[in-house]
Amino acid sequence: MKKIVLCLFFTVLITTSCRTTGAPGKIEVVKLVETTQSWDGTPLPDYLQGNPKITVLRITIPPQSKLETHKHLEINAGVLLRGALTVISQNQDTLYLKAGDPIVELVDTWHYGENEGNEPAEIIVFYAGVEGVPITVLKED
């Protein structure tokens, strides 16, 4: 029999309410990251004012590919699902991610990601912003 799990997670209370049908199993919650800083140690900015907008992206970066230099105007975080990714800031601070690693992205700082591996890097990124503010701004040459 296929196990079906219906869960509602309350992140504010850090509680879980679930109904499980089929074979009993253990619900596991693993905190990947909790911080007030970006990966380079910079404090996260205050939230922007306006109508809240949440964006969730799945980004696939082909092998031997480099993203354009860019910055984010709002707080965002992600988890690398597969592959490896190197993130380099304008100050040459470098973060090496492998599958399963979380990242709390830089805000208002130029940076880029690079997949130096031989398999695609796939990341899910969550943006907490406001309507009318772009999630990414590309650097002009």
Protein backbone atom coordinates (compact mmCIF):
# COMPACT_ATOMS: atom_id res chain seq x y z
CA MET A 1 0.00 0.00 0.00
CA LYS A 2 1.31 3.42 -0.93
CA LYS A 3 1.93 5.72 2.00
CA ILE A 4 0.15 9.06 1.80
CA VAL A 5 1.16 11.87 4.12
CA LEU A 6 -0.82 15.08 4.43
CA CYS A 7 1.08 17.65 6.45
CA LEU A 8 0.61 21.27 7.41
CA PHE A 9 3.76 22.94 8.71
CA PHE A 10 3.55 25.98 10.97
CA THR A 11 7.05 27.45 10.67
CA VAL A 12 6.37 30.23 13.15
CA LEU A 13 5.54 27.75 15.90
CA ILE A 14 7.91 25.09 14.58
CA THR A 15 5.23 22.46 15.01
CA THR A 16 3.95 19.82 12.66
CA SER A 17 0.43 18.47 12.32
CA CYS A 18 0.11 15.39 10.11
CA ARG A 19 -2.32 12.67 9.20
CA THR A 20 -0.69 9.53 7.84
CA THR A 21 -2.44 6.68 6.07
CA GLY A 22 -0.74 3.38 5.36
CA ALA A 23 2.38 2.19 7.15
CA PRO A 24 3.32 4.37 10.12
CA GLY A 25 6.47 6.38 9.68
CA LYS A 26 8.51 8.98 11.44
CA ILE A 27 8.11 12.60 10.39
CA GLU A 28 11.53 14.23 10.29
CA VAL A 29 12.14 17.98 10.30
CA VAL A 30 15.69 19.18 9.67
CA LYS A 31 16.54 22.88 10.03
CA LEU A 32 18.94 23.63 7.18
CA VAL A 33 19.67 27.21 8.18
CA GLU A 34 18.45 29.91 10.54
CA THR A 35 20.31 33.20 10.38
CA THR A 36 20.16 36.99 10.29
CA GLN A 37 23.10 37.18 7.87
CA SER A 38 23.92 36.43 4.23
CA TRP A 39 26.46 33.70 3.53
CA ASP A 40 29.33 36.23 3.66
CA GLY A 41 28.35 37.44 7.16
CA THR A 42 26.60 40.66 6.06
CA PRO A 43 23.47 41.39 8.14
CA LEU A 44 20.23 40.94 6.21
CA PRO A 45 18.42 44.23 5.48
CA ASP A 46 15.05 45.24 6.88
CA TYR A 47 12.11 43.98 4.87
CA LEU A 48 10.90 46.25 2.10
CA GLN A 49 7.60 48.09 2.57
CA GLY A 50 4.71 47.32 0.22
CA ASN A 51 2.48 44.45 -0.83
CA PRO A 52 4.29 41.20 -0.02
CA LYS A 53 5.30 38.98 -2.92
CA ILE A 54 6.79 35.50 -2.57
CA THR A 55 8.61 33.96 -5.53
CA VAL A 56 9.96 30.40 -5.67
CA LEU A 57 12.25 29.46 -8.56
CA ARG A 58 13.85 26.19 -9.63
CA ILE A 59 17.04 27.13 -11.46
CA THR A 60 19.11 24.64 -13.48
CA ILE A 61 22.64 25.69 -14.39
CA PRO A 62 24.24 23.52 -17.09
CA PRO A 63 27.73 22.06 -16.58
CA GLN A 64 30.61 24.44 -17.22
CA SER A 65 28.27 27.47 -17.16
CA LYS A 66 28.52 30.82 -15.42
CA LEU A 67 25.60 33.06 -14.48
CA GLU A 68 25.78 36.74 -15.34
CA THR A 69 26.91 39.07 -12.57
CA HIS A 70 23.79 40.20 -10.73
CA LYS A 71 22.37 41.34 -7.41
CA HIS A 72 19.14 40.80 -5.51
CA LEU A 73 17.16 43.66 -3.98
CA GLU A 74 15.27 41.43 -1.56
CA ILE A 75 16.02 38.66 0.91
CA ASN A 76 16.23 35.19 -0.59
CA ALA A 77 17.47 31.75 0.33
CA GLY A 78 17.74 28.41 -1.38
CA VAL A 79 18.85 24.80 -1.29
CA LEU A 80 21.06 23.17 -3.90
CA LEU A 81 19.24 19.98 -4.90
CA ARG A 82 21.92 18.42 -7.08
CA GLY A 83 25.33 19.13 -8.51
CA ALA A 84 27.78 21.71 -7.22
CA LEU A 85 27.82 25.49 -7.43
CA THR A 86 30.42 28.14 -6.64
CA VAL A 87 29.17 31.62 -5.71
CA ILE A 88 31.60 34.54 -5.92
CA SER A 89 30.91 38.06 -4.60
CA GLN A 90 32.21 41.40 -5.87
CA ASN A 91 34.81 41.23 -3.06
CA GLN A 92 35.92 37.77 -4.28
CA ASP A 93 34.40 36.06 -1.22
CA THR A 94 33.65 32.52 -2.38
CA LEU A 95 31.07 29.97 -1.29
CA TYR A 96 31.20 26.34 -2.45
CA LEU A 97 27.87 24.51 -2.42
CA LYS A 98 27.21 20.80 -2.87
CA ALA A 99 23.86 19.01 -3.13
CA GLY A 100 21.83 19.50 0.04
CA ASP A 101 23.57 22.72 1.11
CA PRO A 102 21.48 25.79 1.95
CA ILE A 103 22.39 29.34 0.96
CA VAL A 104 21.18 32.68 2.31
CA GLU A 105 21.93 34.93 -0.63
CA LEU A 106 23.64 38.28 -0.72
CA VAL A 107 21.33 41.29 -0.90
CA ASP A 108 22.31 44.39 -2.92
CA THR A 109 25.79 42.97 -3.59
CA TRP A 110 27.06 42.00 -7.06
CA HIS A 111 27.87 38.31 -7.38
CA TYR A 112 27.61 35.36 -9.75
CA GLY A 113 27.32 31.59 -9.62
CA GLU A 114 29.35 29.12 -11.60
CA ASN A 115 28.89 25.42 -12.25
CA GLU A 116 32.39 24.07 -12.82
CA GLY A 117 31.19 20.47 -12.65
CA ASN A 118 30.17 17.92 -15.26
CA GLU A 119 26.50 17.65 -14.25
CA PRO A 120 23.72 20.25 -14.03
CA ALA A 121 23.40 22.17 -10.77
CA GLU A 122 19.78 22.51 -9.66
CA ILE A 123 18.70 24.92 -6.94
CA ILE A 124 15.37 25.99 -5.47
CA VAL A 125 15.38 29.65 -4.38
CA PHE A 126 12.73 31.43 -2.27
CA TYR A 127 12.44 35.23 -2.54
CA ALA A 128 10.59 37.34 0.07
CA GLY A 129 9.91 40.67 -1.59
CA VAL A 130 7.27 43.17 -2.56
CA GLU A 131 5.31 43.85 -5.72
CA GLY A 132 7.13 46.08 -8.17
CA VAL A 133 10.67 45.23 -6.98
CA PRO A 134 12.64 42.91 -9.28
CA ILE A 135 14.14 39.82 -7.66
CA THR A 136 17.31 40.07 -9.77
CA VAL A 137 19.13 42.98 -11.42
CA LEU A 138 21.82 42.19 -14.01
CA LYS A 139 25.05 44.21 -13.96
CA GLU A 140 25.60 46.27 -17.06
CA ASP A 141 29.06 46.15 -18.59
